[in-house]
Structure formats: structure tokens, C-alpha cells
């Protein structure tokens, strides 16, 4: 049970880190922001 809880915490931390990293890069680079919006639009618009 401990491993499951530790894995869940690690997953949440990793997700938050990736999201924070993506937003940090997007703020610094307009090209990265455009790429993020394009990839997000491709994922959400790909029905």
C-alpha cells in the first residue's frame, strides 16, 4: 500500500513539474508558446 501511495505522489509531482516547465518555457519563448498551443489544439481537435 505504501508503494501505491508513493507512486501517486510521485506522479502528481512529475505532472506538476512538467506543467510548470511547459508554462515557463512558453513564457520565455514565443515559438515554444506557439508550439504548445498547436500541439494542444491538435490533441483536442483530433476527434
C-alpha atoms as a PDB file:
ATOM      1  CA  UNK A   1       0.000   0.000   0.000  1.00  0.00           C
ATOM      2  CA  UNK A   2       2.867   2.357   0.726  1.00  0.00           C
ATOM      3  CA  UNK A   3       4.297   1.911  -2.774  1.00  0.00           C
ATOM      4  CA  UNK A   4       0.956   2.787  -4.348  1.00  0.00           C
ATOM      5  CA  UNK A   5       0.716   5.991  -2.314  1.00  0.00           C
ATOM      6  CA  UNK A   6       4.334   6.908  -3.042  1.00  0.00           C
ATOM      7  CA  UNK A   7       3.767   6.294  -6.745  1.00  0.00           C
ATOM      8  CA  UNK A   8       0.673   8.514  -6.735  1.00  0.00           C
ATOM      9  CA  UNK A   9       2.589  11.323  -5.017  1.00  0.00           C
ATOM     10  CA  UNK A  10       5.481  10.966  -7.468  1.00  0.00           C
ATOM     11  CA  UNK A  11       3.049  11.045 -10.382  1.00  0.00           C
ATOM     12  CA  UNK A  12       1.407  14.243  -9.099  1.00  0.00           C
ATOM     13  CA  UNK A  13       4.805  15.877  -8.553  1.00  0.00           C
ATOM     14  CA  UNK A  14       6.024  14.850 -12.004  1.00  0.00           C
ATOM     15  CA  UNK A  15       2.845  16.165 -13.638  1.00  0.00           C
ATOM     16  CA  UNK A  16       3.109  19.485 -11.813  1.00  0.00           C
ATOM     17  CA  UNK A  17       6.776  19.753 -12.767  1.00  0.00           C
ATOM     18  CA  UNK A  18       6.069  19.121 -16.452  1.00  0.00           C
ATOM     19  CA  UNK A  19       3.195  21.619 -16.478  1.00  0.00           C
ATOM     20  CA  UNK A  20       5.288  24.253 -14.701  1.00  0.00           C
ATOM     21  CA  UNK A  21       8.195  23.632 -17.060  1.00  0.00           C
ATOM     22  CA  UNK A  22       5.940  23.938 -20.108  1.00  0.00           C
ATOM     23  CA  UNK A  23       4.455  27.222 -18.905  1.00  0.00           C
ATOM     24  CA  UNK A  24       7.920  28.555 -18.020  1.00  0.00           C
ATOM     25  CA  UNK A  25       9.243  27.770 -21.485  1.00  0.00           C
ATOM     26  CA  UNK A  26       6.118  29.228 -23.089  1.00  0.00           C
ATOM     27  CA  UNK A  27       6.582  32.469 -21.192  1.00  0.00           C
ATOM     28  CA  UNK A  28      10.220  32.733 -22.259  1.00  0.00           C
ATOM     29  CA  UNK A  29       9.835  31.701 -25.898  1.00  0.00           C
ATOM     30  CA  UNK A  30       7.058  32.800 -28.233  1.00  0.00           C
ATOM     31  CA  UNK A  31       7.906  29.911 -30.545  1.00  0.00           C
ATOM     32  CA  UNK A  32       7.504  27.415 -27.703  1.00  0.00           C
ATOM     33  CA  UNK A  33       4.169  29.005 -26.796  1.00  0.00           C
ATOM     34  CA  UNK A  34       3.014  28.667 -30.400  1.00  0.00           C
ATOM     35  CA  UNK A  35       4.148  25.036 -30.493  1.00  0.00           C
ATOM     36  CA  UNK A  36       2.340  24.286 -27.214  1.00  0.00           C
ATOM     37  CA  UNK A  37      -0.901  25.836 -28.461  1.00  0.00           C
ATOM     38  CA  UNK A  38      -0.592  23.998 -31.791  1.00  0.00           C
ATOM     39  CA  UNK A  39       0.027  20.637 -30.133  1.00  0.00           C
ATOM     40  CA  UNK A  40      -2.793  21.249 -27.640  1.00  0.00           C
ATOM     41  CA  UNK A  41      -5.131  22.209 -30.482  1.00  0.00           C
ATOM     42  CA  UNK A  42      -4.124  19.103 -32.441  1.00  0.00           C
ATOM     43  CA  UNK A  43      -4.793  16.888 -29.429  1.00  0.00           C
ATOM     44  CA  UNK A  44      -8.150  18.461 -28.553  1.00  0.00           C
ATOM     45  CA  UNK A  45      -9.282  18.921 -32.169  1.00  0.00           C
ATOM     46  CA  UNK A  46      -8.393  15.378 -33.222  1.00  0.00           C
ATOM     47  CA  UNK A  47     -11.803  13.782 -32.792  1.00  0.00           C
END
